[in-house]
N, C-alpha and C. Protein backbone atom coordinates (compact mmCIF):
# COMPACT_ATOMS: atom_id res chain seq x y z
N UNK A 1 22.93 -44.36 -54.55
CA UNK A 1 21.84 -43.46 -54.86
C UNK A 1 21.72 -43.37 -56.39
N UNK A 2 20.48 -43.34 -56.87
CA UNK A 2 20.22 -43.33 -58.30
C UNK A 2 19.17 -42.28 -58.66
N UNK A 3 19.28 -41.76 -59.86
CA UNK A 3 18.25 -40.87 -60.39
C UNK A 3 17.17 -41.74 -61.04
N UNK A 4 15.91 -41.59 -60.64
CA UNK A 4 14.87 -42.41 -61.24
C UNK A 4 14.55 -42.01 -62.69
N UNK A 5 14.99 -40.83 -63.10
CA UNK A 5 14.69 -40.36 -64.46
C UNK A 5 15.77 -40.79 -65.45
N UNK A 6 17.03 -40.41 -65.19
CA UNK A 6 18.11 -40.71 -66.15
C UNK A 6 18.92 -41.94 -65.75
N UNK A 7 18.67 -42.47 -64.54
CA UNK A 7 19.30 -43.70 -64.03
C UNK A 7 20.79 -43.54 -63.72
N UNK A 8 21.26 -42.29 -63.57
CA UNK A 8 22.65 -42.05 -63.18
C UNK A 8 22.86 -42.48 -61.74
N UNK A 9 24.07 -42.96 -61.45
CA UNK A 9 24.39 -43.40 -60.09
C UNK A 9 25.19 -42.32 -59.38
N UNK A 10 24.87 -42.08 -58.10
CA UNK A 10 25.55 -41.08 -57.29
C UNK A 10 26.11 -41.72 -56.02
N UNK A 11 27.16 -41.12 -55.49
CA UNK A 11 27.71 -41.57 -54.21
C UNK A 11 26.76 -41.19 -53.08
N UNK A 12 26.89 -41.87 -51.97
CA UNK A 12 26.11 -41.57 -50.78
C UNK A 12 26.37 -40.11 -50.38
N UNK A 13 25.34 -39.44 -49.93
CA UNK A 13 25.47 -38.04 -49.52
C UNK A 13 24.81 -37.08 -50.51
N UNK A 14 24.61 -37.53 -51.74
CA UNK A 14 23.91 -36.71 -52.72
C UNK A 14 22.41 -36.99 -52.61
N UNK A 15 21.60 -35.97 -52.85
CA UNK A 15 20.16 -36.17 -52.71
C UNK A 15 19.38 -35.78 -53.97
N UNK A 16 20.03 -35.06 -54.89
CA UNK A 16 19.35 -34.58 -56.09
C UNK A 16 20.22 -34.84 -57.31
N UNK A 17 19.60 -35.23 -58.42
CA UNK A 17 20.33 -35.44 -59.67
C UNK A 17 20.77 -34.10 -60.22
N UNK A 18 22.04 -33.97 -60.54
CA UNK A 18 22.59 -32.72 -61.06
C UNK A 18 22.03 -32.40 -62.45
N UNK A 19 21.68 -33.42 -63.22
CA UNK A 19 21.18 -33.19 -64.58
C UNK A 19 19.67 -32.99 -64.62
N UNK A 20 18.93 -33.80 -63.87
CA UNK A 20 17.46 -33.80 -63.95
C UNK A 20 16.79 -32.95 -62.88
N UNK A 21 17.48 -32.73 -61.77
CA UNK A 21 16.91 -31.95 -60.69
C UNK A 21 15.87 -32.70 -59.86
N UNK A 22 15.82 -34.02 -59.98
CA UNK A 22 14.85 -34.80 -59.22
C UNK A 22 15.54 -35.48 -58.04
N UNK A 23 14.75 -35.84 -57.02
CA UNK A 23 15.29 -36.51 -55.84
C UNK A 23 15.80 -37.90 -56.21
N UNK A 24 16.93 -38.26 -55.61
CA UNK A 24 17.52 -39.58 -55.84
C UNK A 24 16.81 -40.63 -54.99
N UNK A 25 16.90 -41.88 -55.45
CA UNK A 25 16.35 -43.01 -54.71
C UNK A 25 17.48 -43.99 -54.41
N UNK A 26 17.27 -44.84 -53.41
CA UNK A 26 18.33 -45.78 -53.01
C UNK A 26 18.59 -46.86 -54.04
N UNK A 27 17.53 -47.38 -54.65
CA UNK A 27 17.68 -48.44 -55.65
C UNK A 27 16.74 -48.20 -56.81
N UNK A 28 17.19 -48.59 -58.00
CA UNK A 28 16.31 -48.53 -59.17
C UNK A 28 15.44 -49.78 -59.19
N UNK A 29 14.20 -49.65 -59.59
CA UNK A 29 13.36 -50.85 -59.72
C UNK A 29 13.90 -51.72 -60.85
N UNK A 30 13.77 -53.02 -60.69
CA UNK A 30 14.22 -53.90 -61.77
C UNK A 30 13.29 -53.71 -62.96
N UNK A 31 13.78 -54.02 -64.13
CA UNK A 31 12.98 -53.85 -65.34
C UNK A 31 11.71 -54.69 -65.30
N UNK A 32 11.77 -55.80 -64.59
CA UNK A 32 10.59 -56.66 -64.46
C UNK A 32 9.51 -55.98 -63.63
N UNK A 33 9.89 -55.11 -62.70
CA UNK A 33 8.93 -54.44 -61.84
C UNK A 33 8.24 -53.27 -62.52
N UNK A 34 8.84 -52.74 -63.58
CA UNK A 34 8.25 -51.60 -64.25
C UNK A 34 6.92 -52.00 -64.87
N UNK A 35 5.94 -51.17 -64.65
CA UNK A 35 4.62 -51.44 -65.18
C UNK A 35 4.41 -50.64 -66.46
N UNK A 36 3.65 -51.21 -67.35
CA UNK A 36 3.29 -50.52 -68.57
C UNK A 36 1.89 -49.97 -68.41
N UNK A 37 1.70 -48.78 -68.90
CA UNK A 37 0.37 -48.21 -68.84
C UNK A 37 0.03 -47.61 -70.20
N UNK A 38 -1.26 -47.59 -70.49
CA UNK A 38 -1.71 -47.02 -71.75
C UNK A 38 -1.57 -45.50 -71.67
N UNK A 39 -0.97 -44.94 -72.71
CA UNK A 39 -0.83 -43.49 -72.81
C UNK A 39 -1.28 -43.09 -74.21
N UNK A 40 -2.16 -42.12 -74.27
CA UNK A 40 -2.62 -41.65 -75.57
C UNK A 40 -1.54 -40.77 -76.19
N UNK A 41 -1.21 -41.08 -77.45
CA UNK A 41 -0.16 -40.35 -78.16
C UNK A 41 -0.77 -39.35 -79.15
N UNK A 42 0.01 -38.34 -79.45
CA UNK A 42 -0.36 -37.38 -80.48
C UNK A 42 0.84 -37.15 -81.39
N UNK A 43 0.59 -36.90 -82.65
CA UNK A 43 1.66 -36.66 -83.61
C UNK A 43 2.13 -35.22 -83.48
N UNK A 44 3.45 -35.06 -83.28
CA UNK A 44 4.00 -33.70 -83.17
C UNK A 44 4.81 -33.31 -84.39
N UNK A 45 5.19 -34.28 -85.21
CA UNK A 45 5.97 -33.98 -86.40
C UNK A 45 5.82 -35.10 -87.41
N UNK A 46 5.94 -34.73 -88.67
CA UNK A 46 5.87 -35.71 -89.75
C UNK A 46 6.88 -35.30 -90.81
N UNK A 47 7.58 -36.26 -91.33
CA UNK A 47 8.58 -35.98 -92.36
C UNK A 47 8.65 -37.15 -93.31
N UNK A 48 9.31 -36.95 -94.42
CA UNK A 48 9.42 -38.06 -95.37
C UNK A 48 10.49 -39.05 -94.91
N UNK A 49 10.46 -40.21 -95.48
CA UNK A 49 11.35 -41.29 -95.04
C UNK A 49 12.81 -41.07 -95.41
N UNK A 50 13.11 -40.03 -96.18
CA UNK A 50 14.50 -39.76 -96.55
C UNK A 50 15.19 -38.87 -95.53
N UNK A 51 14.50 -38.49 -94.48
CA UNK A 51 15.00 -37.53 -93.51
C UNK A 51 15.50 -38.22 -92.24
N UNK A 52 16.25 -39.30 -92.39
CA UNK A 52 16.69 -40.10 -91.25
C UNK A 52 17.58 -39.32 -90.28
N UNK A 53 18.42 -38.43 -90.80
CA UNK A 53 19.31 -37.64 -89.93
C UNK A 53 18.53 -36.77 -88.97
N UNK A 54 17.49 -36.12 -89.48
CA UNK A 54 16.67 -35.25 -88.64
C UNK A 54 15.90 -36.07 -87.60
N UNK A 55 15.44 -37.24 -87.99
CA UNK A 55 14.74 -38.13 -87.05
C UNK A 55 15.70 -38.53 -85.92
N UNK A 56 16.94 -38.85 -86.25
CA UNK A 56 17.92 -39.24 -85.23
C UNK A 56 18.18 -38.08 -84.26
N UNK A 57 18.27 -36.87 -84.78
CA UNK A 57 18.47 -35.70 -83.92
C UNK A 57 17.25 -35.51 -83.02
N UNK A 58 16.06 -35.64 -83.57
CA UNK A 58 14.83 -35.49 -82.78
C UNK A 58 14.79 -36.52 -81.65
N UNK A 59 15.14 -37.77 -81.95
CA UNK A 59 15.15 -38.81 -80.93
C UNK A 59 16.13 -38.47 -79.82
N UNK A 60 17.30 -37.97 -80.19
CA UNK A 60 18.32 -37.60 -79.22
C UNK A 60 17.83 -36.47 -78.30
N UNK A 61 17.18 -35.47 -78.89
CA UNK A 61 16.66 -34.35 -78.10
C UNK A 61 15.58 -34.83 -77.13
N UNK A 62 14.65 -35.64 -77.63
CA UNK A 62 13.58 -36.14 -76.77
C UNK A 62 14.13 -37.04 -75.67
N UNK A 63 15.10 -37.88 -75.99
CA UNK A 63 15.74 -38.72 -74.97
C UNK A 63 16.39 -37.88 -73.89
N UNK A 64 17.11 -36.83 -74.29
CA UNK A 64 17.82 -35.99 -73.32
C UNK A 64 16.86 -35.29 -72.36
N UNK A 65 15.63 -35.08 -72.78
CA UNK A 65 14.63 -34.44 -71.94
C UNK A 65 13.72 -35.44 -71.22
N UNK A 66 13.97 -36.73 -71.45
CA UNK A 66 13.17 -37.76 -70.80
C UNK A 66 11.76 -37.88 -71.33
N UNK A 67 11.55 -37.44 -72.57
CA UNK A 67 10.22 -37.53 -73.18
C UNK A 67 10.14 -38.84 -73.95
N UNK A 68 9.17 -39.66 -73.59
CA UNK A 68 8.97 -40.92 -74.31
C UNK A 68 8.32 -40.61 -75.65
N UNK A 69 8.67 -41.39 -76.66
CA UNK A 69 8.16 -41.14 -78.01
C UNK A 69 7.98 -42.45 -78.75
N UNK A 70 7.24 -42.36 -79.83
CA UNK A 70 7.04 -43.50 -80.72
C UNK A 70 7.26 -43.01 -82.14
N UNK A 71 8.06 -43.72 -82.90
CA UNK A 71 8.29 -43.38 -84.30
C UNK A 71 7.40 -44.29 -85.13
N UNK A 72 6.40 -43.70 -85.77
CA UNK A 72 5.46 -44.44 -86.60
C UNK A 72 5.95 -44.36 -88.04
N UNK A 73 6.55 -45.45 -88.50
CA UNK A 73 7.07 -45.47 -89.87
C UNK A 73 6.23 -46.37 -90.77
N UNK A 74 5.02 -46.65 -90.34
CA UNK A 74 4.16 -47.53 -91.14
C UNK A 74 3.21 -46.76 -92.05
N UNK A 75 3.33 -45.44 -92.05
CA UNK A 75 2.46 -44.62 -92.88
C UNK A 75 3.06 -44.55 -94.28
N UNK A 76 2.46 -45.25 -95.19
CA UNK A 76 2.98 -45.30 -96.55
C UNK A 76 1.85 -45.08 -97.54
N UNK A 77 2.21 -44.43 -98.60
CA UNK A 77 1.28 -44.34 -99.72
C UNK A 77 1.44 -45.61 -100.53
N UNK A 78 0.36 -46.22 -100.88
CA UNK A 78 0.44 -47.49 -101.59
C UNK A 78 0.46 -47.30 -103.10
N UNK A 79 1.04 -46.21 -103.51
CA UNK A 79 1.22 -45.93 -104.93
C UNK A 79 2.69 -46.21 -105.24
N UNK A 80 2.96 -47.04 -106.23
CA UNK A 80 4.36 -47.34 -106.54
C UNK A 80 5.17 -46.07 -106.79
N UNK A 81 6.33 -45.99 -106.15
CA UNK A 81 7.22 -44.86 -106.31
C UNK A 81 6.90 -43.68 -105.42
N UNK A 82 5.83 -43.76 -104.64
CA UNK A 82 5.46 -42.65 -103.75
C UNK A 82 6.38 -42.63 -102.53
N UNK A 83 6.53 -41.47 -101.94
CA UNK A 83 7.35 -41.30 -100.75
C UNK A 83 6.53 -41.67 -99.52
N UNK A 84 7.12 -42.44 -98.62
CA UNK A 84 6.44 -42.77 -97.38
C UNK A 84 6.80 -41.71 -96.32
N UNK A 85 5.99 -41.65 -95.27
CA UNK A 85 6.19 -40.65 -94.24
C UNK A 85 6.42 -41.29 -92.89
N UNK A 86 7.09 -40.55 -92.03
CA UNK A 86 7.38 -40.97 -90.67
C UNK A 86 6.78 -39.95 -89.72
N UNK A 87 6.10 -40.43 -88.69
CA UNK A 87 5.53 -39.55 -87.67
C UNK A 87 6.27 -39.74 -86.36
N UNK A 88 6.46 -38.64 -85.63
CA UNK A 88 6.96 -38.71 -84.26
C UNK A 88 5.76 -38.44 -83.37
N UNK A 89 5.50 -39.39 -82.48
CA UNK A 89 4.35 -39.28 -81.59
C UNK A 89 4.83 -39.29 -80.14
N UNK A 90 4.20 -38.46 -79.32
CA UNK A 90 4.53 -38.37 -77.90
C UNK A 90 3.24 -38.37 -77.09
N UNK A 91 3.34 -38.63 -75.78
CA UNK A 91 2.15 -38.50 -74.95
C UNK A 91 1.58 -37.08 -75.05
N UNK A 92 0.27 -36.97 -75.01
CA UNK A 92 -0.39 -35.67 -75.15
C UNK A 92 0.16 -34.67 -74.13
N UNK A 93 0.45 -35.13 -72.92
CA UNK A 93 0.94 -34.24 -71.87
C UNK A 93 2.31 -33.64 -72.18
N UNK A 94 3.08 -34.27 -73.07
CA UNK A 94 4.41 -33.77 -73.43
C UNK A 94 4.44 -33.07 -74.79
N UNK A 95 3.30 -32.97 -75.47
CA UNK A 95 3.28 -32.50 -76.86
C UNK A 95 3.82 -31.08 -77.01
N UNK A 96 3.35 -30.14 -76.22
CA UNK A 96 3.79 -28.75 -76.39
C UNK A 96 5.27 -28.60 -76.12
N UNK A 97 5.77 -29.24 -75.07
CA UNK A 97 7.19 -29.19 -74.75
C UNK A 97 8.02 -29.81 -75.88
N UNK A 98 7.59 -30.95 -76.39
CA UNK A 98 8.31 -31.63 -77.46
C UNK A 98 8.34 -30.79 -78.73
N UNK A 99 7.22 -30.18 -79.08
CA UNK A 99 7.18 -29.31 -80.27
C UNK A 99 8.17 -28.16 -80.13
N UNK A 100 8.20 -27.56 -78.94
CA UNK A 100 9.11 -26.45 -78.70
C UNK A 100 10.56 -26.90 -78.83
N UNK A 101 10.88 -28.08 -78.30
CA UNK A 101 12.24 -28.60 -78.37
C UNK A 101 12.68 -28.89 -79.80
N UNK A 102 11.74 -29.32 -80.65
CA UNK A 102 12.08 -29.74 -82.01
C UNK A 102 11.90 -28.64 -83.06
N UNK A 103 11.45 -27.47 -82.67
CA UNK A 103 11.12 -26.44 -83.65
C UNK A 103 12.33 -25.98 -84.47
N UNK A 104 13.53 -26.02 -83.89
CA UNK A 104 14.71 -25.51 -84.58
C UNK A 104 15.38 -26.52 -85.51
N UNK A 105 14.88 -27.75 -85.56
CA UNK A 105 15.52 -28.74 -86.44
C UNK A 105 14.72 -29.00 -87.71
N UNK A 106 13.70 -28.19 -87.92
CA UNK A 106 12.97 -28.28 -89.17
C UNK A 106 11.87 -29.31 -89.23
N UNK A 107 11.37 -29.74 -88.10
CA UNK A 107 10.25 -30.69 -88.07
C UNK A 107 8.98 -29.97 -87.71
């Protein structure tokens, strides 16, 4: 038995993931079977490129909650010596939850 969200494996007889609270399935789909779909993203946080520690913490928090994200690090000022910025983007449906989760880390 497997959790479709966190992919944890359980012994027979369990029906719900202890961490995620979702119903278990008998087998996980192979990575080849997973389909990609277009999801509109929204920016929930922006910080300068020197804030790598905070970005790592944000990624860890979002991962633990199963929120998919995209780190957009291509936003740069084209002025020599200027600081570039990094955006954290999530699906619009997860934006409010993600903002709430990240509010205490200064993003």
